[in-house]
């Protein structure tokens, strides 16, 4: 029970990596807010893990403020924030991505980290402790072609993690990131453009361990980085990628 007595918000937790993280946190003793744009999906995962659900648009300031207020009201103190919600644009030449798609990718993948920090960092600062985990991507380390602006958004997230870690370390707040390779999540088909055996095989050929990341992989790594066992770990962007970035 490595997270016994801890409280956590996990965004994008109605499915995929976020659901895996929420399940692992709950299994390790944490009380979890399952936050997602998909309200019914969030409610289903929250019911499964004994947590609470919140419908949120992480790219909208007022929606994020409401989520945080609900978490503080339910939990009192908040120990952990996981910025997992993310989207991508479809694979295409960089100059063909629409302005609307570009804006949405940057709003969900980058602006959301700023918005949650505005509301949660002051709370953690007052407590003198806290753990923030940003779910970035191997795309921010070793970019794939035709996913240019998604890659860039995850590179931003990695840099944000490191600079947050440096600034907040003296106040007892740790900030780390996970860099997963593509996984069995609702975004997989979007990354690939279409889900066919041939395209899957091409993706898997770039991963030395020969498989995708799973929600369980992400939950295990997230649990360590957000637990007291990682008390001396901050500013780390950990690849959970089966060796893709080597």
C-alpha atoms as a PDB file:
ATOM      1  CA  UNK A   1       0.000   0.000   0.000  1.00  0.00           C
ATOM      2  CA  UNK A   2       2.577   2.523  -1.164  1.00  0.00           C
ATOM      3  CA  UNK A   3       0.052   5.341  -1.540  1.00  0.00           C
ATOM      4  CA  UNK A   4      -1.914   4.669   1.635  1.00  0.00           C
ATOM      5  CA  UNK A   5      -3.542   7.887   2.838  1.00  0.00           C
ATOM      6  CA  UNK A   6      -2.642   9.812  -0.323  1.00  0.00           C
ATOM      7  CA  UNK A   7      -5.121  11.709  -2.485  1.00  0.00           C
ATOM      8  CA  UNK A   8      -4.780  12.152  -6.228  1.00  0.00           C
ATOM      9  CA  UNK A   9      -6.316  13.705  -9.318  1.00  0.00           C
ATOM     10  CA  UNK A  10      -5.721  11.774 -12.547  1.00  0.00           C
ATOM     11  CA  UNK A  11      -6.875  13.546 -15.711  1.00  0.00           C
ATOM     12  CA  UNK A  12      -7.862  11.637 -18.823  1.00  0.00           C
ATOM     13  CA  UNK A  13      -8.583   8.697 -16.518  1.00  0.00           C
ATOM     14  CA  UNK A  14     -11.746   7.336 -18.138  1.00  0.00           C
ATOM     15  CA  UNK A  15      -9.701   5.060 -20.404  1.00  0.00           C
ATOM     16  CA  UNK A  16      -6.236   4.009 -21.515  1.00  0.00           C
ATOM     17  CA  UNK A  17      -3.147   5.013 -19.541  1.00  0.00           C
ATOM     18  CA  UNK A  18      -5.128   7.249 -17.195  1.00  0.00           C
ATOM     19  CA  UNK A  19      -7.453   4.430 -16.196  1.00  0.00           C
ATOM     20  CA  UNK A  20      -4.434   2.201 -15.589  1.00  0.00           C
ATOM     21  CA  UNK A  21      -2.884   4.839 -13.344  1.00  0.00           C
ATOM     22  CA  UNK A  22      -6.148   5.370 -11.438  1.00  0.00           C
ATOM     23  CA  UNK A  23      -6.524   1.626 -10.870  1.00  0.00           C
ATOM     24  CA  UNK A  24      -2.947   1.240  -9.620  1.00  0.00           C
ATOM     25  CA  UNK A  25      -3.194   4.249  -7.318  1.00  0.00           C
ATOM     26  CA  UNK A  26      -6.413   2.939  -5.781  1.00  0.00           C
ATOM     27  CA  UNK A  27      -4.932  -0.549  -5.373  1.00  0.00           C
ATOM     28  CA  UNK A  28      -2.011   1.024  -3.499  1.00  0.00           C
ATOM     29  CA  UNK A  29      -4.329   2.842  -1.082  1.00  0.00           C
ATOM     30  CA  UNK A  30      -4.904   6.274  -2.649  1.00  0.00           C
ATOM     31  CA  UNK A  31      -8.220   8.063  -2.918  1.00  0.00           C
ATOM     32  CA  UNK A  32      -8.552   9.061  -6.558  1.00  0.00           C
ATOM     33  CA  UNK A  33     -10.486  11.670  -8.493  1.00  0.00           C
ATOM     34  CA  UNK A  34     -11.079  10.263 -11.975  1.00  0.00           C
ATOM     35  CA  UNK A  35     -11.252  13.349 -14.202  1.00  0.00           C
ATOM     36  CA  UNK A  36     -12.138  13.213 -17.883  1.00  0.00           C
ATOM     37  CA  UNK A  37     -14.071  14.978 -20.639  1.00  0.00           C
ATOM     38  CA  UNK A  38     -15.998  11.697 -20.913  1.00  0.00           C
ATOM     39  CA  UNK A  39     -18.220  12.015 -17.846  1.00  0.00           C
ATOM     40  CA  UNK A  40     -19.892   8.588 -17.992  1.00  0.00           C
ATOM     41  CA  UNK A  41     -16.516   6.926 -18.558  1.00  0.00           C
ATOM     42  CA  UNK A  42     -15.062   8.769 -15.563  1.00  0.00           C
ATOM     43  CA  UNK A  43     -17.997   7.656 -13.424  1.00  0.00           C
ATOM     44  CA  UNK A  44     -17.496   4.031 -14.457  1.00  0.00           C
ATOM     45  CA  UNK A  45     -13.789   4.004 -13.536  1.00  0.00           C
ATOM     46  CA  UNK A  46     -14.477   5.915 -10.306  1.00  0.00           C
ATOM     47  CA  UNK A  47     -17.087   3.342  -9.304  1.00  0.00           C
ATOM     48  CA  UNK A  48     -14.621   0.550 -10.071  1.00  0.00           C
ATOM     49  CA  UNK A  49     -11.811   2.019  -7.959  1.00  0.00           C
ATOM     50  CA  UNK A  50     -13.911   3.507  -5.175  1.00  0.00           C
ATOM     51  CA  UNK A  51     -13.006   7.054  -6.174  1.00  0.00           C
ATOM     52  CA  UNK A  52     -14.891  10.139  -7.259  1.00  0.00           C
ATOM     53  CA  UNK A  53     -15.595  11.290 -10.796  1.00  0.00           C
ATOM     54  CA  UNK A  54     -15.294  14.728 -12.368  1.00  0.00           C
ATOM     55  CA  UNK A  55     -16.195  15.849 -15.864  1.00  0.00           C
ATOM     56  CA  UNK A  56     -13.533  18.308 -16.982  1.00  0.00           C
ATOM     57  CA  UNK A  57     -12.152  19.991 -20.084  1.00  0.00           C
ATOM     58  CA  UNK A  58      -8.495  20.369 -19.156  1.00  0.00           C
ATOM     59  CA  UNK A  59      -8.038  23.062 -21.833  1.00  0.00           C
ATOM     60  CA  UNK A  60     -10.628  25.341 -20.207  1.00  0.00           C
ATOM     61  CA  UNK A  61      -9.601  27.454 -17.228  1.00  0.00           C
ATOM     62  CA  UNK A  62     -12.978  27.546 -15.505  1.00  0.00           C
ATOM     63  CA  UNK A  63     -13.480  23.815 -15.943  1.00  0.00           C
ATOM     64  CA  UNK A  64     -10.076  23.106 -14.387  1.00  0.00           C
ATOM     65  CA  UNK A  65     -10.839  25.510 -11.523  1.00  0.00           C
ATOM     66  CA  UNK A  66     -14.087  23.658 -10.817  1.00  0.00           C
ATOM     67  CA  UNK A  67     -12.289  20.291 -10.875  1.00  0.00           C
ATOM     68  CA  UNK A  68      -9.749  21.506  -8.333  1.00  0.00           C
ATOM     69  CA  UNK A  69     -12.420  22.986  -6.075  1.00  0.00           C
ATOM     70  CA  UNK A  70     -14.277  19.678  -6.097  1.00  0.00           C
ATOM     71  CA  UNK A  71     -11.085  17.771  -5.263  1.00  0.00           C
ATOM     72  CA  UNK A  72     -10.220  20.083  -2.362  1.00  0.00           C
ATOM     73  CA  UNK A  73     -13.794  19.827  -1.041  1.00  0.00           C
ATOM     74  CA  UNK A  74     -13.774  16.026  -1.253  1.00  0.00           C
ATOM     75  CA  UNK A  75     -10.237  15.309  -0.063  1.00  0.00           C
ATOM     76  CA  UNK A  76      -9.149  18.311   1.977  1.00  0.00           C
ATOM     77  CA  UNK A  77      -5.467  18.030   1.103  1.00  0.00           C
ATOM     78  CA  UNK A  78      -4.300  16.965  -2.358  1.00  0.00           C
ATOM     79  CA  UNK A  79      -1.038  15.012  -2.548  1.00  0.00           C
ATOM     80  CA  UNK A  80      -0.746  13.978  -6.211  1.00  0.00           C
ATOM     81  CA  UNK A  81      -1.654  15.441  -9.587  1.00  0.00           C
ATOM     82  CA  UNK A  82      -1.293  13.392 -12.769  1.00  0.00           C
ATOM     83  CA  UNK A  83      -1.614  15.419 -15.984  1.00  0.00           C
ATOM     84  CA  UNK A  84      -2.452  12.514 -18.275  1.00  0.00           C
ATOM     85  CA  UNK A  85      -5.147  13.907 -20.593  1.00  0.00           C
ATOM     86  CA  UNK A  86      -3.840  14.277 -24.132  1.00  0.00           C
ATOM     87  CA  UNK A  87      -4.795  14.248 -27.790  1.00  0.00           C
ATOM     88  CA  UNK A  88      -3.078  14.133 -31.163  1.00  0.00           C
ATOM     89  CA  UNK A  89      -3.723  15.191 -34.711  1.00  0.00           C
ATOM     90  CA  UNK A  90      -3.858  12.566 -37.457  1.00  0.00           C
ATOM     91  CA  UNK A  91      -0.577  11.706 -39.202  1.00  0.00           C
ATOM     92  CA  UNK A  92      -0.012  14.143 -42.075  1.00  0.00           C
ATOM     93  CA  UNK A  93       2.564  16.590 -43.431  1.00  0.00           C
ATOM     94  CA  UNK A  94       3.200  19.341 -40.885  1.00  0.00           C
ATOM     95  CA  UNK A  95       1.944  22.103 -43.197  1.00  0.00           C
ATOM     96  CA  UNK A  96      -1.390  20.343 -43.735  1.00  0.00           C
ATOM     97  CA  UNK A  97      -2.477  20.210 -40.087  1.00  0.00           C
ATOM     98  CA  UNK A  98      -5.380  22.633 -39.642  1.00  0.00           C
ATOM     99  CA  UNK A  99      -5.078  25.612 -37.341  1.00  0.00           C
ATOM    100  CA  UNK A 100      -7.997  24.276 -35.296  1.00  0.00           C
ATOM    101  CA  UNK A 101      -6.247  20.921 -34.782  1.00  0.00           C
ATOM    102  CA  UNK A 102      -2.979  22.658 -33.870  1.00  0.00           C
ATOM    103  CA  UNK A 103      -4.733  24.858 -31.313  1.00  0.00           C
ATOM    104  CA  UNK A 104      -6.541  21.906 -29.747  1.00  0.00           C
ATOM    105  CA  UNK A 105      -3.392  19.769 -29.455  1.00  0.00           C
ATOM    106  CA  UNK A 106      -1.466  22.567 -27.755  1.00  0.00           C
ATOM    107  CA  UNK A 107      -4.403  23.468 -25.508  1.00  0.00           C
ATOM    108  CA  UNK A 108      -4.955  19.924 -24.244  1.00  0.00           C
ATOM    109  CA  UNK A 109      -1.334  18.775 -24.110  1.00  0.00           C
ATOM    110  CA  UNK A 110       0.407  21.985 -22.991  1.00  0.00           C
ATOM    111  CA  UNK A 111      -2.002  24.627 -21.686  1.00  0.00           C
ATOM    112  CA  UNK A 112      -3.602  22.059 -19.376  1.00  0.00           C
ATOM    113  CA  UNK A 113      -0.321  21.723 -17.438  1.00  0.00           C
ATOM    114  CA  UNK A 114      -0.291  25.486 -16.910  1.00  0.00           C
ATOM    115  CA  UNK A 115      -3.944  25.551 -15.862  1.00  0.00           C
ATOM    116  CA  UNK A 116      -3.670  22.770 -13.298  1.00  0.00           C
ATOM    117  CA  UNK A 117      -0.468  24.295 -11.914  1.00  0.00           C
ATOM    118  CA  UNK A 118      -2.193  27.642 -11.336  1.00  0.00           C
ATOM    119  CA  UNK A 119      -4.709  26.028  -8.985  1.00  0.00           C
ATOM    120  CA  UNK A 120      -2.808  23.119  -7.450  1.00  0.00           C
ATOM    121  CA  UNK A 121       0.728  24.459  -6.931  1.00  0.00           C
ATOM    122  CA  UNK A 122      -0.418  27.103  -4.395  1.00  0.00           C
ATOM    123  CA  UNK A 123      -2.218  24.354  -2.452  1.00  0.00           C
ATOM    124  CA  UNK A 124       0.838  22.085  -2.455  1.00  0.00           C
ATOM    125  CA  UNK A 125       3.093  25.021  -1.611  1.00  0.00           C
ATOM    126  CA  UNK A 126       1.003  25.695   1.487  1.00  0.00           C
ATOM    127  CA  UNK A 127       1.313  22.027   2.491  1.00  0.00           C
ATOM    128  CA  UNK A 128       5.047  22.000   1.819  1.00  0.00           C
ATOM    129  CA  UNK A 129       4.756  18.800  -0.207  1.00  0.00           C
ATOM    130  CA  UNK A 130       3.270  17.266  -3.327  1.00  0.00           C
ATOM    131  CA  UNK A 131       3.965  15.201  -6.425  1.00  0.00           C
ATOM    132  CA  UNK A 132       3.058  16.232  -9.965  1.00  0.00           C
ATOM    133  CA  UNK A 133       3.401  13.756 -12.821  1.00  0.00           C
ATOM    134  CA  UNK A 134       3.093  14.810 -16.466  1.00  0.00           C
ATOM    135  CA  UNK A 135       2.426  12.107 -19.038  1.00  0.00           C
ATOM    136  CA  UNK A 136       4.518  13.173 -22.014  1.00  0.00           C
ATOM    137  CA  UNK A 137       5.676  10.779 -24.757  1.00  0.00           C
ATOM    138  CA  UNK A 138       8.631   9.250 -26.526  1.00  0.00           C
ATOM    139  CA  UNK A 139       7.438  11.509 -29.370  1.00  0.00           C
ATOM    140  CA  UNK A 140       8.957  14.395 -27.434  1.00  0.00           C
ATOM    141  CA  UNK A 141      12.331  12.599 -27.286  1.00  0.00           C
ATOM    142  CA  UNK A 142      12.529  10.757 -30.617  1.00  0.00           C
ATOM    143  CA  UNK A 143       9.901  12.300 -32.927  1.00  0.00           C
ATOM    144  CA  UNK A 144       8.050  10.316 -35.545  1.00  0.00           C
ATOM    145  CA  UNK A 145       7.438  12.005 -38.922  1.00  0.00           C
ATOM    146  CA  UNK A 146       3.965  13.297 -39.790  1.00  0.00           C
ATOM    147  CA  UNK A 147       3.072  13.871 -36.117  1.00  0.00           C
ATOM    148  CA  UNK A 148       5.027  17.128 -35.969  1.00  0.00           C
ATOM    149  CA  UNK A 149       2.851  19.330 -33.757  1.00  0.00           C
ATOM    150  CA  UNK A 150       1.969  16.466 -31.426  1.00  0.00           C
ATOM    151  CA  UNK A 151       5.691  15.744 -31.059  1.00  0.00           C
ATOM    152  CA  UNK A 152       6.308  19.416 -30.306  1.00  0.00           C
ATOM    153  CA  UNK A 153       3.593  19.538 -27.659  1.00  0.00           C
ATOM    154  CA  UNK A 154       5.152  16.597 -25.838  1.00  0.00           C
ATOM    155  CA  UNK A 155       8.610  18.150 -26.106  1.00  0.00           C
ATOM    156  CA  UNK A 156       7.099  21.231 -24.446  1.00  0.00           C
ATOM    157  CA  UNK A 157       5.713  19.013 -21.705  1.00  0.00           C
ATOM    158  CA  UNK A 158       9.142  17.505 -21.030  1.00  0.00           C
ATOM    159  CA  UNK A 159      10.746  20.954 -20.743  1.00  0.00           C
ATOM    160  CA  UNK A 160       7.877  22.170 -18.547  1.00  0.00           C
ATOM    161  CA  UNK A 161       8.427  19.197 -16.238  1.00  0.00           C
ATOM    162  CA  UNK A 162      12.095  19.997 -15.777  1.00  0.00           C
ATOM    163  CA  UNK A 163      11.656  23.697 -15.189  1.00  0.00           C
ATOM    164  CA  UNK A 164       8.758  23.094 -12.785  1.00  0.00           C
ATOM    165  CA  UNK A 165      10.947  20.629 -10.903  1.00  0.00           C
ATOM    166  CA  UNK A 166      13.779  23.137 -10.518  1.00  0.00           C
ATOM    167  CA  UNK A 167      11.504  25.931  -9.350  1.00  0.00           C
ATOM    168  CA  UNK A 168       9.342  23.888  -6.982  1.00  0.00           C
ATOM    169  CA  UNK A 169      11.954  21.601  -5.403  1.00  0.00           C
ATOM    170  CA  UNK A 170      12.791  24.020  -2.555  1.00  0.00           C
ATOM    171  CA  UNK A 171       9.105  23.994  -1.615  1.00  0.00           C
ATOM    172  CA  UNK A 172       8.895  20.220  -1.293  1.00  0.00           C
ATOM    173  CA  UNK A 173       7.028  19.666  -4.563  1.00  0.00           C
ATOM    174  CA  UNK A 174       8.405  17.030  -6.920  1.00  0.00           C
ATOM    175  CA  UNK A 175       7.624  17.104 -10.655  1.00  0.00           C
ATOM    176  CA  UNK A 176       8.368  14.197 -12.986  1.00  0.00           C
ATOM    177  CA  UNK A 177       7.177  12.853 -16.325  1.00  0.00           C
ATOM    178  CA  UNK A 178       6.566   9.562 -18.069  1.00  0.00           C
ATOM    179  CA  UNK A 179       7.396   9.047 -21.737  1.00  0.00           C
ATOM    180  CA  UNK A 180       5.353   6.093 -22.969  1.00  0.00           C
ATOM    181  CA  UNK A 181       5.591   4.609 -26.416  1.00  0.00           C
ATOM    182  CA  UNK A 182       2.294   4.079 -28.262  1.00  0.00           C
ATOM    183  CA  UNK A 183      -0.052   1.815 -26.336  1.00  0.00           C
ATOM    184  CA  UNK A 184      -3.371   0.037 -26.501  1.00  0.00           C
ATOM    185  CA  UNK A 185      -5.396   3.177 -25.847  1.00  0.00           C
ATOM    186  CA  UNK A 186      -8.105   5.088 -27.736  1.00  0.00           C
ATOM    187  CA  UNK A 187      -5.351   7.264 -29.268  1.00  0.00           C
ATOM    188  CA  UNK A 188      -3.527   4.376 -30.948  1.00  0.00           C
ATOM    189  CA  UNK A 189      -5.568   4.471 -34.144  1.00  0.00           C
ATOM    190  CA  UNK A 190      -5.069   8.239 -34.366  1.00  0.00           C
ATOM    191  CA  UNK A 191      -1.280   7.858 -34.088  1.00  0.00           C
ATOM    192  CA  UNK A 192      -1.246   5.256 -36.818  1.00  0.00           C
ATOM    193  CA  UNK A 193      -3.760   6.945 -39.092  1.00  0.00           C
ATOM    194  CA  UNK A 194      -5.567   3.640 -39.387  1.00  0.00           C
ATOM    195  CA  UNK A 195      -5.382   0.439 -37.392  1.00  0.00           C
ATOM    196  CA  UNK A 196      -4.288  -2.388 -39.668  1.00  0.00           C
ATOM    197  CA  UNK A 197      -2.062  -5.431 -39.012  1.00  0.00           C
ATOM    198  CA  UNK A 198       0.525  -4.003 -41.399  1.00  0.00           C
ATOM    199  CA  UNK A 199       0.728  -0.607 -39.697  1.00  0.00           C
ATOM    200  CA  UNK A 200       0.795  -2.236 -36.254  1.00  0.00           C
ATOM    201  CA  UNK A 201       3.691  -4.419 -37.353  1.00  0.00           C
ATOM    202  CA  UNK A 202       5.554  -1.352 -38.613  1.00  0.00           C
ATOM    203  CA  UNK A 203       5.065   0.433 -35.275  1.00  0.00           C
ATOM    204  CA  UNK A 204       6.086  -2.612 -33.262  1.00  0.00           C
ATOM    205  CA  UNK A 205       9.248  -3.035 -35.333  1.00  0.00           C
ATOM    206  CA  UNK A 206      10.557   0.220 -33.811  1.00  0.00           C
ATOM    207  CA  UNK A 207      10.155  -1.073 -30.227  1.00  0.00           C
ATOM    208  CA  UNK A 208      12.987  -3.450 -29.205  1.00  0.00           C
ATOM    209  CA  UNK A 209      10.813  -5.285 -26.676  1.00  0.00           C
ATOM    210  CA  UNK A 210       8.272  -5.911 -29.409  1.00  0.00           C
ATOM    211  CA  UNK A 211       5.102  -4.718 -27.719  1.00  0.00           C
ATOM    212  CA  UNK A 212       3.149  -1.562 -26.959  1.00  0.00           C
ATOM    213  CA  UNK A 213       3.033   0.144 -23.561  1.00  0.00           C
ATOM    214  CA  UNK A 214       0.076  -0.983 -21.466  1.00  0.00           C
ATOM    215  CA  UNK A 215      -2.028   0.864 -18.880  1.00  0.00           C
ATOM    216  CA  UNK A 216      -0.505  -1.459 -16.279  1.00  0.00           C
ATOM    217  CA  UNK A 217       3.029  -0.455 -17.310  1.00  0.00           C
ATOM    218  CA  UNK A 218       2.094   3.171 -16.868  1.00  0.00           C
ATOM    219  CA  UNK A 219       0.333   2.593 -13.556  1.00  0.00           C
ATOM    220  CA  UNK A 220       3.377   0.852 -12.093  1.00  0.00           C
ATOM    221  CA  UNK A 221       5.804   3.575 -13.187  1.00  0.00           C
ATOM    222  CA  UNK A 222       3.458   6.354 -12.056  1.00  0.00           C
ATOM    223  CA  UNK A 223       2.998   4.732  -8.661  1.00  0.00           C
ATOM    224  CA  UNK A 224       6.733   4.718  -8.021  1.00  0.00           C
ATOM    225  CA  UNK A 225       7.303   8.314  -9.118  1.00  0.00           C
ATOM    226  CA  UNK A 226       4.384   9.602  -7.019  1.00  0.00           C
ATOM    227  CA  UNK A 227       5.218   7.549  -3.924  1.00  0.00           C
ATOM    228  CA  UNK A 228       7.478   8.463  -1.032  1.00  0.00           C
ATOM    229  CA  UNK A 229       9.940   5.863  -2.366  1.00  0.00           C
ATOM    230  CA  UNK A 230      10.840   8.444  -5.040  1.00  0.00           C
ATOM    231  CA  UNK A 231      11.352  11.190  -2.484  1.00  0.00           C
ATOM    232  CA  UNK A 232      14.718  12.173  -4.008  1.00  0.00           C
ATOM    233  CA  UNK A 233      13.498  11.954  -7.619  1.00  0.00           C
ATOM    234  CA  UNK A 234      12.437  15.122  -9.401  1.00  0.00           C
ATOM    235  CA  UNK A 235      12.813  16.451 -12.938  1.00  0.00           C
ATOM    236  CA  UNK A 236      13.037  12.909 -14.320  1.00  0.00           C
ATOM    237  CA  UNK A 237      11.348  12.101 -17.632  1.00  0.00           C
ATOM    238  CA  UNK A 238      11.200   8.317 -17.534  1.00  0.00           C
ATOM    239  CA  UNK A 239      10.849   6.337 -20.747  1.00  0.00           C
ATOM    240  CA  UNK A 240       8.349   3.486 -20.483  1.00  0.00           C
ATOM    241  CA  UNK A 241       8.953   2.436 -24.044  1.00  0.00           C
ATOM    242  CA  UNK A 242      10.478  -1.016 -24.338  1.00  0.00           C
ATOM    243  CA  UNK A 243      13.739   0.503 -25.504  1.00  0.00           C
ATOM    244  CA  UNK A 244      12.445   2.639 -28.396  1.00  0.00           C
ATOM    245  CA  UNK A 245      14.487   5.702 -27.421  1.00  0.00           C
ATOM    246  CA  UNK A 246      17.808   3.872 -27.023  1.00  0.00           C
END
